mmCIF file of all heavy atoms, coordinates in Angstrom:
data_MODEL
# 
_entry.id   MODEL 
# 
loop_
_atom_site.group_PDB 
_atom_site.id 
_atom_site.type_symbol 
_atom_site.label_atom_id 
_atom_site.label_alt_id 
_atom_site.label_comp_id 
_atom_site.label_asym_id 
_atom_site.label_entity_id 
_atom_site.label_seq_id 
_atom_site.pdbx_PDB_ins_code 
_atom_site.Cartn_x 
_atom_site.Cartn_y 
_atom_site.Cartn_z 
_atom_site.occupancy 
_atom_site.B_iso_or_equiv 
_atom_site.pdbx_formal_charge 
_atom_site.auth_seq_id 
_atom_site.auth_comp_id 
_atom_site.auth_asym_id 
_atom_site.auth_atom_id 
_atom_site.pdbx_PDB_model_num 
ATOM 1   N N   . ALA A 1 1  ? 26.577 -3.035  47.363 1.00 0.00 ? 1  ALA A N   1 
ATOM 2   C CA  . ALA A 1 1  ? 25.371 -3.912  47.213 1.00 0.00 ? 1  ALA A CA  1 
ATOM 3   C C   . ALA A 1 1  ? 25.790 -5.254  46.666 1.00 0.00 ? 1  ALA A C   1 
ATOM 4   O O   . ALA A 1 1  ? 25.225 -6.245  47.095 1.00 0.00 ? 1  ALA A O   1 
ATOM 5   C CB  . ALA A 1 1  ? 24.359 -3.193  46.265 1.00 0.00 ? 1  ALA A CB  1 
ATOM 6   N N   . ARG A 1 2  ? 26.741 -5.265  45.737 1.00 0.00 ? 2  ARG A N   1 
ATOM 7   C CA  . ARG A 1 2  ? 27.205 -6.516  45.196 1.00 0.00 ? 2  ARG A CA  1 
ATOM 8   C C   . ARG A 1 2  ? 27.816 -7.415  46.337 1.00 0.00 ? 2  ARG A C   1 
ATOM 9   O O   . ARG A 1 2  ? 27.574 -8.641  46.389 1.00 0.00 ? 2  ARG A O   1 
ATOM 10  C CB  . ARG A 1 2  ? 28.260 -6.291  44.100 1.00 0.00 ? 2  ARG A CB  1 
ATOM 11  C CG  . ARG A 1 2  ? 27.725 -6.041  42.721 1.00 0.00 ? 2  ARG A CG  1 
ATOM 12  C CD  . ARG A 1 2  ? 28.813 -5.783  41.753 1.00 0.00 ? 2  ARG A CD  1 
ATOM 13  N NE  . ARG A 1 2  ? 28.345 -5.964  40.357 1.00 0.00 ? 2  ARG A NE  1 
ATOM 14  C CZ  . ARG A 1 2  ? 28.943 -5.316  39.374 1.00 0.00 ? 2  ARG A CZ  1 
ATOM 15  N NH1 . ARG A 1 2  ? 29.996 -4.601  39.561 1.00 0.00 ? 2  ARG A NH1 1 
ATOM 16  N NH2 . ARG A 1 2  ? 28.475 -5.586  38.102 1.00 0.00 ? 2  ARG A NH2 1 
ATOM 17  N N   . ARG A 1 3  ? 28.639 -6.804  47.088 1.00 0.00 ? 3  ARG A N   1 
ATOM 18  C CA  . ARG A 1 3  ? 29.279 -7.571  48.216 1.00 0.00 ? 3  ARG A CA  1 
ATOM 19  C C   . ARG A 1 3  ? 28.305 -8.007  49.232 1.00 0.00 ? 3  ARG A C   1 
ATOM 20  O O   . ARG A 1 3  ? 28.425 -9.091  49.757 1.00 0.00 ? 3  ARG A O   1 
ATOM 21  C CB  . ARG A 1 3  ? 30.415 -6.689  48.793 1.00 0.00 ? 3  ARG A CB  1 
ATOM 22  C CG  . ARG A 1 3  ? 31.520 -6.411  47.819 1.00 0.00 ? 3  ARG A CG  1 
ATOM 23  C CD  . ARG A 1 3  ? 32.664 -5.609  48.481 1.00 0.00 ? 3  ARG A CD  1 
ATOM 24  N NE  . ARG A 1 3  ? 33.714 -5.213  47.537 1.00 0.00 ? 3  ARG A NE  1 
ATOM 25  C CZ  . ARG A 1 3  ? 34.820 -4.626  47.824 1.00 0.00 ? 3  ARG A CZ  1 
ATOM 26  N NH1 . ARG A 1 3  ? 35.097 -4.351  49.047 1.00 0.00 ? 3  ARG A NH1 1 
ATOM 27  N NH2 . ARG A 1 3  ? 35.732 -4.295  46.889 1.00 0.00 ? 3  ARG A NH2 1 
ATOM 28  N N   . ALA A 1 4  ? 27.282 -7.193  49.444 1.00 0.00 ? 4  ALA A N   1 
ATOM 29  C CA  . ALA A 1 4  ? 26.209 -7.543  50.406 1.00 0.00 ? 4  ALA A CA  1 
ATOM 30  C C   . ALA A 1 4  ? 25.441 -8.785  49.904 1.00 0.00 ? 4  ALA A C   1 
ATOM 31  O O   . ALA A 1 4  ? 25.100 -9.657  50.662 1.00 0.00 ? 4  ALA A O   1 
ATOM 32  C CB  . ALA A 1 4  ? 25.292 -6.361  50.663 1.00 0.00 ? 4  ALA A CB  1 
ATOM 33  N N   . ALA A 1 5  ? 25.215 -8.749  48.535 1.00 0.00 ? 5  ALA A N   1 
ATOM 34  C CA  . ALA A 1 5  ? 24.478 -9.876  47.991 1.00 0.00 ? 5  ALA A CA  1 
ATOM 35  C C   . ALA A 1 5  ? 25.332 -11.134 48.027 1.00 0.00 ? 5  ALA A C   1 
ATOM 36  O O   . ALA A 1 5  ? 24.798 -12.254 48.362 1.00 0.00 ? 5  ALA A O   1 
ATOM 37  C CB  . ALA A 1 5  ? 24.108 -9.550  46.547 1.00 0.00 ? 5  ALA A CB  1 
ATOM 38  N N   . ALA A 1 6  ? 26.543 -11.021 47.749 1.00 0.00 ? 6  ALA A N   1 
ATOM 39  C CA  . ALA A 1 6  ? 27.473 -12.235 47.828 1.00 0.00 ? 6  ALA A CA  1 
ATOM 40  C C   . ALA A 1 6  ? 27.561 -12.715 49.281 1.00 0.00 ? 6  ALA A C   1 
ATOM 41  O O   . ALA A 1 6  ? 27.570 -13.967 49.451 1.00 0.00 ? 6  ALA A O   1 
ATOM 42  C CB  . ALA A 1 6  ? 28.830 -11.822 47.314 1.00 0.00 ? 6  ALA A CB  1 
ATOM 43  N N   . LEU A 1 7  ? 27.653 -11.869 50.205 1.00 0.00 ? 7  LEU A N   1 
ATOM 44  C CA  . LEU A 1 7  ? 27.728 -12.275 51.578 1.00 0.00 ? 7  LEU A CA  1 
ATOM 45  C C   . LEU A 1 7  ? 26.468 -12.975 52.149 1.00 0.00 ? 7  LEU A C   1 
ATOM 46  O O   . LEU A 1 7  ? 26.510 -14.047 52.750 1.00 0.00 ? 7  LEU A O   1 
ATOM 47  C CB  . LEU A 1 7  ? 28.047 -11.114 52.507 1.00 0.00 ? 7  LEU A CB  1 
ATOM 48  C CG  . LEU A 1 7  ? 28.096 -11.378 54.093 1.00 0.00 ? 7  LEU A CG  1 
ATOM 49  C CD1 . LEU A 1 7  ? 29.334 -12.191 54.351 1.00 0.00 ? 7  LEU A CD1 1 
ATOM 50  C CD2 . LEU A 1 7  ? 28.100 -10.092 54.786 1.00 0.00 ? 7  LEU A CD2 1 
ATOM 51  N N   . SER A 1 8  ? 25.330 -12.405 51.758 1.00 0.00 ? 8  SER A N   1 
ATOM 52  C CA  . SER A 1 8  ? 24.004 -12.887 52.282 1.00 0.00 ? 8  SER A CA  1 
ATOM 53  C C   . SER A 1 8  ? 23.457 -13.994 51.451 1.00 0.00 ? 8  SER A C   1 
ATOM 54  O O   . SER A 1 8  ? 22.601 -14.761 51.914 1.00 0.00 ? 8  SER A O   1 
ATOM 55  C CB  . SER A 1 8  ? 23.058 -11.741 52.342 1.00 0.00 ? 8  SER A CB  1 
ATOM 56  O OG  . SER A 1 8  ? 22.781 -11.251 51.038 1.00 0.00 ? 8  SER A OG  1 
ATOM 57  N N   . GLY A 1 9  ? 23.927 -14.111 50.177 1.00 0.00 ? 9  GLY A N   1 
ATOM 58  C CA  . GLY A 1 9  ? 23.261 -15.050 49.272 1.00 0.00 ? 9  GLY A CA  1 
ATOM 59  C C   . GLY A 1 9  ? 21.908 -14.652 48.790 1.00 0.00 ? 9  GLY A C   1 
ATOM 60  O O   . GLY A 1 9  ? 21.193 -15.439 48.216 1.00 0.00 ? 9  GLY A O   1 
ATOM 61  N N   . ALA A 1 10 ? 21.555 -13.434 49.004 1.00 0.00 ? 10 ALA A N   1 
ATOM 62  C CA  . ALA A 1 10 ? 20.230 -12.915 48.647 1.00 0.00 ? 10 ALA A CA  1 
ATOM 63  C C   . ALA A 1 10 ? 20.425 -11.761 47.601 1.00 0.00 ? 10 ALA A C   1 
ATOM 64  O O   . ALA A 1 10 ? 21.465 -11.133 47.502 1.00 0.00 ? 10 ALA A O   1 
ATOM 65  C CB  . ALA A 1 10 ? 19.522 -12.355 49.886 1.00 0.00 ? 10 ALA A CB  1 
ATOM 66  N N   . VAL A 1 11 ? 19.320 -11.539 46.836 1.00 0.00 ? 11 VAL A N   1 
ATOM 67  C CA  . VAL A 1 11 ? 19.228 -10.308 46.028 1.00 0.00 ? 11 VAL A CA  1 
ATOM 68  C C   . VAL A 1 11 ? 19.053 -9.106  46.989 1.00 0.00 ? 11 VAL A C   1 
ATOM 69  O O   . VAL A 1 11 ? 18.159 -9.170  47.824 1.00 0.00 ? 11 VAL A O   1 
ATOM 70  C CB  . VAL A 1 11 ? 18.099 -10.403 45.014 1.00 0.00 ? 11 VAL A CB  1 
ATOM 71  C CG1 . VAL A 1 11 ? 17.904 -9.109  44.326 1.00 0.00 ? 11 VAL A CG1 1 
ATOM 72  C CG2 . VAL A 1 11 ? 18.385 -11.479 44.003 1.00 0.00 ? 11 VAL A CG2 1 
ATOM 73  N N   . VAL A 1 12 ? 19.881 -8.171  46.868 1.00 0.00 ? 12 VAL A N   1 
ATOM 74  C CA  . VAL A 1 12 ? 19.821 -6.975  47.761 1.00 0.00 ? 12 VAL A CA  1 
ATOM 75  C C   . VAL A 1 12 ? 19.327 -5.776  46.932 1.00 0.00 ? 12 VAL A C   1 
ATOM 76  O O   . VAL A 1 12 ? 19.859 -5.449  45.852 1.00 0.00 ? 12 VAL A O   1 
ATOM 77  C CB  . VAL A 1 12 ? 21.250 -6.646  48.302 1.00 0.00 ? 12 VAL A CB  1 
ATOM 78  C CG1 . VAL A 1 12 ? 21.180 -5.350  49.148 1.00 0.00 ? 12 VAL A CG1 1 
ATOM 79  C CG2 . VAL A 1 12 ? 21.641 -7.805  49.285 1.00 0.00 ? 12 VAL A CG2 1 
ATOM 80  N N   . VAL A 1 13 ? 18.262 -5.145  47.466 1.00 0.00 ? 13 VAL A N   1 
ATOM 81  C CA  . VAL A 1 13 ? 17.759 -3.944  46.881 1.00 0.00 ? 13 VAL A CA  1 
ATOM 82  C C   . VAL A 1 13 ? 18.125 -2.777  47.786 1.00 0.00 ? 13 VAL A C   1 
ATOM 83  O O   . VAL A 1 13 ? 17.525 -2.551  48.869 1.00 0.00 ? 13 VAL A O   1 
ATOM 84  C CB  . VAL A 1 13 ? 16.225 -3.955  46.732 1.00 0.00 ? 13 VAL A CB  1 
ATOM 85  C CG1 . VAL A 1 13 ? 15.713 -2.680  46.098 1.00 0.00 ? 13 VAL A CG1 1 
ATOM 86  C CG2 . VAL A 1 13 ? 15.810 -5.150  45.864 1.00 0.00 ? 13 VAL A CG2 1 
ATOM 87  N N   . ASP A 1 14 ? 19.226 -2.084  47.449 1.00 0.00 ? 14 ASP A N   1 
ATOM 88  C CA  . ASP A 1 14 ? 19.791 -1.034  48.292 1.00 0.00 ? 14 ASP A CA  1 
ATOM 89  C C   . ASP A 1 14 ? 19.028 0.243   47.883 1.00 0.00 ? 14 ASP A C   1 
ATOM 90  O O   . ASP A 1 14 ? 19.461 0.896   46.907 1.00 0.00 ? 14 ASP A O   1 
ATOM 91  C CB  . ASP A 1 14 ? 21.275 -0.910  48.107 1.00 0.00 ? 14 ASP A CB  1 
ATOM 92  C CG  . ASP A 1 14 ? 21.948 -0.001  49.086 1.00 0.00 ? 14 ASP A CG  1 
ATOM 93  O OD1 . ASP A 1 14 ? 21.284 0.604   49.945 1.00 0.00 ? 14 ASP A OD1 1 
ATOM 94  O OD2 . ASP A 1 14 ? 23.226 0.135   49.021 1.00 0.00 ? 14 ASP A OD2 1 
ATOM 95  N N   . LYS A 1 15 ? 18.024 0.695   48.634 1.00 0.00 ? 15 LYS A N   1 
ATOM 96  C CA  . LYS A 1 15 ? 17.128 1.650   48.210 1.00 0.00 ? 15 LYS A CA  1 
ATOM 97  C C   . LYS A 1 15 ? 17.700 3.081   48.377 1.00 0.00 ? 15 LYS A C   1 
ATOM 98  O O   . LYS A 1 15 ? 18.598 3.326   49.171 1.00 0.00 ? 15 LYS A O   1 
ATOM 99  C CB  . LYS A 1 15 ? 15.833 1.512   49.035 1.00 0.00 ? 15 LYS A CB  1 
ATOM 100 C CG  . LYS A 1 15 ? 15.105 0.250   48.787 1.00 0.00 ? 15 LYS A CG  1 
ATOM 101 C CD  . LYS A 1 15 ? 13.715 0.138   49.501 1.00 0.00 ? 15 LYS A CD  1 
ATOM 102 C CE  . LYS A 1 15 ? 13.849 0.136   50.980 1.00 0.00 ? 15 LYS A CE  1 
ATOM 103 N NZ  . LYS A 1 15 ? 12.523 -0.196  51.669 1.00 0.00 ? 15 LYS A NZ  1 
ATOM 104 N N   . GLY A 1 16 ? 17.126 3.966   47.647 1.00 0.00 ? 16 GLY A N   1 
ATOM 105 C CA  . GLY A 1 16 ? 17.464 5.387   47.695 1.00 0.00 ? 16 GLY A CA  1 
ATOM 106 C C   . GLY A 1 16 ? 17.141 6.037   46.355 1.00 0.00 ? 16 GLY A C   1 
ATOM 107 O O   . GLY A 1 16 ? 16.493 5.440   45.498 1.00 0.00 ? 16 GLY A O   1 
ATOM 108 N N   . PRO A 1 17 ? 17.554 7.283   46.178 1.00 0.00 ? 17 PRO A N   1 
ATOM 109 C CA  . PRO A 1 17 ? 17.366 7.961   44.913 1.00 0.00 ? 17 PRO A CA  1 
ATOM 110 C C   . PRO A 1 17 ? 18.105 7.340   43.742 1.00 0.00 ? 17 PRO A C   1 
ATOM 111 O O   . PRO A 1 17 ? 17.756 7.609   42.570 1.00 0.00 ? 17 PRO A O   1 
ATOM 112 C CB  . PRO A 1 17 ? 17.801 9.440   45.199 1.00 0.00 ? 17 PRO A CB  1 
ATOM 113 C CG  . PRO A 1 17 ? 18.812 9.251   46.285 1.00 0.00 ? 17 PRO A CG  1 
ATOM 114 C CD  . PRO A 1 17 ? 18.372 8.146   47.152 1.00 0.00 ? 17 PRO A CD  1 
ATOM 115 N N   . ASP A 1 18 ? 19.071 6.467   44.096 1.00 0.00 ? 18 ASP A N   1 
ATOM 116 C CA  . ASP A 1 18 ? 19.836 5.716   43.115 1.00 0.00 ? 18 ASP A CA  1 
ATOM 117 C C   . ASP A 1 18 ? 19.839 4.230   43.461 1.00 0.00 ? 18 ASP A C   1 
ATOM 118 O O   . ASP A 1 18 ? 20.892 3.613   43.576 1.00 0.00 ? 18 ASP A O   1 
ATOM 119 C CB  . ASP A 1 18 ? 21.258 6.219   42.985 1.00 0.00 ? 18 ASP A CB  1 
ATOM 120 C CG  . ASP A 1 18 ? 21.957 6.396   44.316 1.00 0.00 ? 18 ASP A CG  1 
ATOM 121 O OD1 . ASP A 1 18 ? 21.309 6.059   45.370 1.00 0.00 ? 18 ASP A OD1 1 
ATOM 122 O OD2 . ASP A 1 18 ? 23.126 6.756   44.379 1.00 0.00 ? 18 ASP A OD2 1 
ATOM 123 N N   . THR A 1 19 ? 18.661 3.687   43.572 1.00 0.00 ? 19 THR A N   1 
ATOM 124 C CA  . THR A 1 19 ? 18.528 2.295   44.071 1.00 0.00 ? 19 THR A CA  1 
ATOM 125 C C   . THR A 1 19 ? 19.377 1.320   43.275 1.00 0.00 ? 19 THR A C   1 
ATOM 126 O O   . THR A 1 19 ? 19.356 1.380   42.021 1.00 0.00 ? 19 THR A O   1 
ATOM 127 C CB  . THR A 1 19 ? 17.056 1.839   43.996 1.00 0.00 ? 19 THR A CB  1 
ATOM 128 O OG1 . THR A 1 19 ? 16.299 2.650   44.914 1.00 0.00 ? 19 THR A OG1 1 
ATOM 129 C CG2 . THR A 1 19 ? 16.891 0.373   44.364 1.00 0.00 ? 19 THR A CG2 1 
ATOM 130 N N   . VAL A 1 20 ? 20.112 0.469   43.944 1.00 0.00 ? 20 VAL A N   1 
ATOM 131 C CA  . VAL A 1 20 ? 20.913 -0.540  43.299 1.00 0.00 ? 20 VAL A CA  1 
ATOM 132 C C   . VAL A 1 20 ? 20.307 -1.900  43.664 1.00 0.00 ? 20 VAL A C   1 
ATOM 133 O O   . VAL A 1 20 ? 19.977 -2.200  44.767 1.00 0.00 ? 20 VAL A O   1 
ATOM 134 C CB  . VAL A 1 20 ? 22.374 -0.528  43.756 1.00 0.00 ? 20 VAL A CB  1 
ATOM 135 C CG1 . VAL A 1 20 ? 23.165 -1.683  43.219 1.00 0.00 ? 20 VAL A CG1 1 
ATOM 136 C CG2 . VAL A 1 20 ? 23.026 0.800   43.380 1.00 0.00 ? 20 VAL A CG2 1 
ATOM 137 N N   . VAL A 1 21 ? 20.123 -2.695  42.605 1.00 0.00 ? 21 VAL A N   1 
ATOM 138 C CA  . VAL A 1 21 ? 19.738 -4.113  42.831 1.00 0.00 ? 21 VAL A CA  1 
ATOM 139 C C   . VAL A 1 21 ? 20.853 -4.995  42.435 1.00 0.00 ? 21 VAL A C   1 
ATOM 140 O O   . VAL A 1 21 ? 21.467 -4.905  41.338 1.00 0.00 ? 21 VAL A O   1 
ATOM 141 C CB  . VAL A 1 21 ? 18.475 -4.513  41.868 1.00 0.00 ? 21 VAL A CB  1 
ATOM 142 C CG1 . VAL A 1 21 ? 18.064 -5.891  42.114 1.00 0.00 ? 21 VAL A CG1 1 
ATOM 143 C CG2 . VAL A 1 21 ? 17.344 -3.518  42.115 1.00 0.00 ? 21 VAL A CG2 1 
ATOM 144 N N   . ALA A 1 22 ? 21.261 -5.906  43.402 1.00 0.00 ? 22 ALA A N   1 
ATOM 145 C CA  . ALA A 1 22 ? 22.433 -6.700  43.150 1.00 0.00 ? 22 ALA A CA  1 
ATOM 146 C C   . ALA A 1 22 ? 22.131 -8.232  43.485 1.00 0.00 ? 22 ALA A C   1 
ATOM 147 O O   . ALA A 1 22 ? 21.382 -8.549  44.434 1.00 0.00 ? 22 ALA A O   1 
ATOM 148 C CB  . ALA A 1 22 ? 23.632 -6.230  44.067 1.00 0.00 ? 22 ALA A CB  1 
ATOM 149 N N   . ALA A 1 23 ? 22.572 -9.109  42.680 1.00 0.00 ? 23 ALA A N   1 
ATOM 150 C CA  . ALA A 1 23 ? 22.435 -10.517 42.811 1.00 0.00 ? 23 ALA A CA  1 
ATOM 151 C C   . ALA A 1 23 ? 23.679 -11.170 43.355 1.00 0.00 ? 23 ALA A C   1 
ATOM 152 O O   . ALA A 1 23 ? 24.785 -10.661 43.133 1.00 0.00 ? 23 ALA A O   1 
ATOM 153 C CB  . ALA A 1 23 ? 21.992 -11.167 41.558 1.00 0.00 ? 23 ALA A CB  1 
ATOM 154 N N   . PRO A 1 24 ? 23.591 -12.349 44.025 1.00 0.00 ? 24 PRO A N   1 
ATOM 155 C CA  . PRO A 1 24 ? 24.753 -12.970 44.588 1.00 0.00 ? 24 PRO A CA  1 
ATOM 156 C C   . PRO A 1 24 ? 25.753 -13.375 43.501 1.00 0.00 ? 24 PRO A C   1 
ATOM 157 O O   . PRO A 1 24 ? 26.963 -13.539 43.740 1.00 0.00 ? 24 PRO A O   1 
ATOM 158 C CB  . PRO A 1 24 ? 24.173 -14.291 45.266 1.00 0.00 ? 24 PRO A CB  1 
ATOM 159 C CG  . PRO A 1 24 ? 22.802 -13.915 45.546 1.00 0.00 ? 24 PRO A CG  1 
ATOM 160 C CD  . PRO A 1 24 ? 22.355 -13.009 44.487 1.00 0.00 ? 24 PRO A CD  1 
ATOM 161 N N   . ASP A 1 25 ? 25.265 -13.524 42.252 1.00 0.00 ? 25 ASP A N   1 
ATOM 162 C CA  . ASP A 1 25 ? 26.217 -13.994 41.148 1.00 0.00 ? 25 ASP A CA  1 
ATOM 163 C C   . ASP A 1 25 ? 26.976 -12.782 40.520 1.00 0.00 ? 25 ASP A C   1 
ATOM 164 O O   . ASP A 1 25 ? 27.681 -12.979 39.587 1.00 0.00 ? 25 ASP A O   1 
ATOM 165 C CB  . ASP A 1 25 ? 25.428 -14.713 40.074 1.00 0.00 ? 25 ASP A CB  1 
ATOM 166 C CG  . ASP A 1 25 ? 24.342 -13.862 39.367 1.00 0.00 ? 25 ASP A CG  1 
ATOM 167 O OD1 . ASP A 1 25 ? 24.281 -12.695 39.593 1.00 0.00 ? 25 ASP A OD1 1 
ATOM 168 O OD2 . ASP A 1 25 ? 23.577 -14.425 38.631 1.00 0.00 ? 25 ASP A OD2 1 
ATOM 169 N N   . GLY A 1 26 ? 26.769 -11.588 41.058 1.00 0.00 ? 26 GLY A N   1 
ATOM 170 C CA  . GLY A 1 26 ? 27.520 -10.434 40.575 1.00 0.00 ? 26 GLY A CA  1 
ATOM 171 C C   . GLY A 1 26 ? 26.750 -9.497  39.656 1.00 0.00 ? 26 GLY A C   1 
ATOM 172 O O   . GLY A 1 26 ? 27.135 -8.363  39.431 1.00 0.00 ? 26 GLY A O   1 
ATOM 173 N N   . ARG A 1 27 ? 25.679 -9.989  39.125 1.00 0.00 ? 27 ARG A N   1 
ATOM 174 C CA  . ARG A 1 27 ? 24.828 -9.022  38.316 1.00 0.00 ? 27 ARG A CA  1 
ATOM 175 C C   . ARG A 1 27 ? 24.248 -7.900  39.212 1.00 0.00 ? 27 ARG A C   1 
ATOM 176 O O   . ARG A 1 27 ? 23.926 -8.061  40.385 1.00 0.00 ? 27 ARG A O   1 
ATOM 177 C CB  . ARG A 1 27 ? 23.652 -9.789  37.685 1.00 0.00 ? 27 ARG A CB  1 
ATOM 178 C CG  . ARG A 1 27 ? 23.960 -10.700 36.582 1.00 0.00 ? 27 ARG A CG  1 
ATOM 179 C CD  . ARG A 1 27 ? 22.787 -11.485 36.164 1.00 0.00 ? 27 ARG A CD  1 
ATOM 180 N NE  . ARG A 1 27 ? 22.176 -12.257 37.213 1.00 0.00 ? 27 ARG A NE  1 
ATOM 181 C CZ  . ARG A 1 27 ? 20.897 -12.639 37.237 1.00 0.00 ? 27 ARG A CZ  1 
ATOM 182 N NH1 . ARG A 1 27 ? 20.062 -12.372 36.296 1.00 0.00 ? 27 ARG A NH1 1 
ATOM 183 N NH2 . ARG A 1 27 ? 20.471 -13.421 38.263 1.00 0.00 ? 27 ARG A NH2 1 
ATOM 184 N N   . ALA A 1 28 ? 24.189 -6.723  38.599 1.00 0.00 ? 28 ALA A N   1 
ATOM 185 C CA  . ALA A 1 28 ? 23.671 -5.575  39.349 1.00 0.00 ? 28 ALA A CA  1 
ATOM 186 C C   . ALA A 1 28 ? 23.023 -4.601  38.388 1.00 0.00 ? 28 ALA A C   1 
ATOM 187 O O   . ALA A 1 28 ? 23.427 -4.534  37.133 1.00 0.00 ? 28 ALA A O   1 
ATOM 188 C CB  . ALA A 1 28 ? 24.803 -4.835  40.103 1.00 0.00 ? 28 ALA A CB  1 
# 
């Protein structure tokens, strides 16, 4: 999720039973 956020420049909400929220700046 972190790498996806860095690639896209967007906050990525990778959904599931263990949803991860990742920002382009590396916060997750």
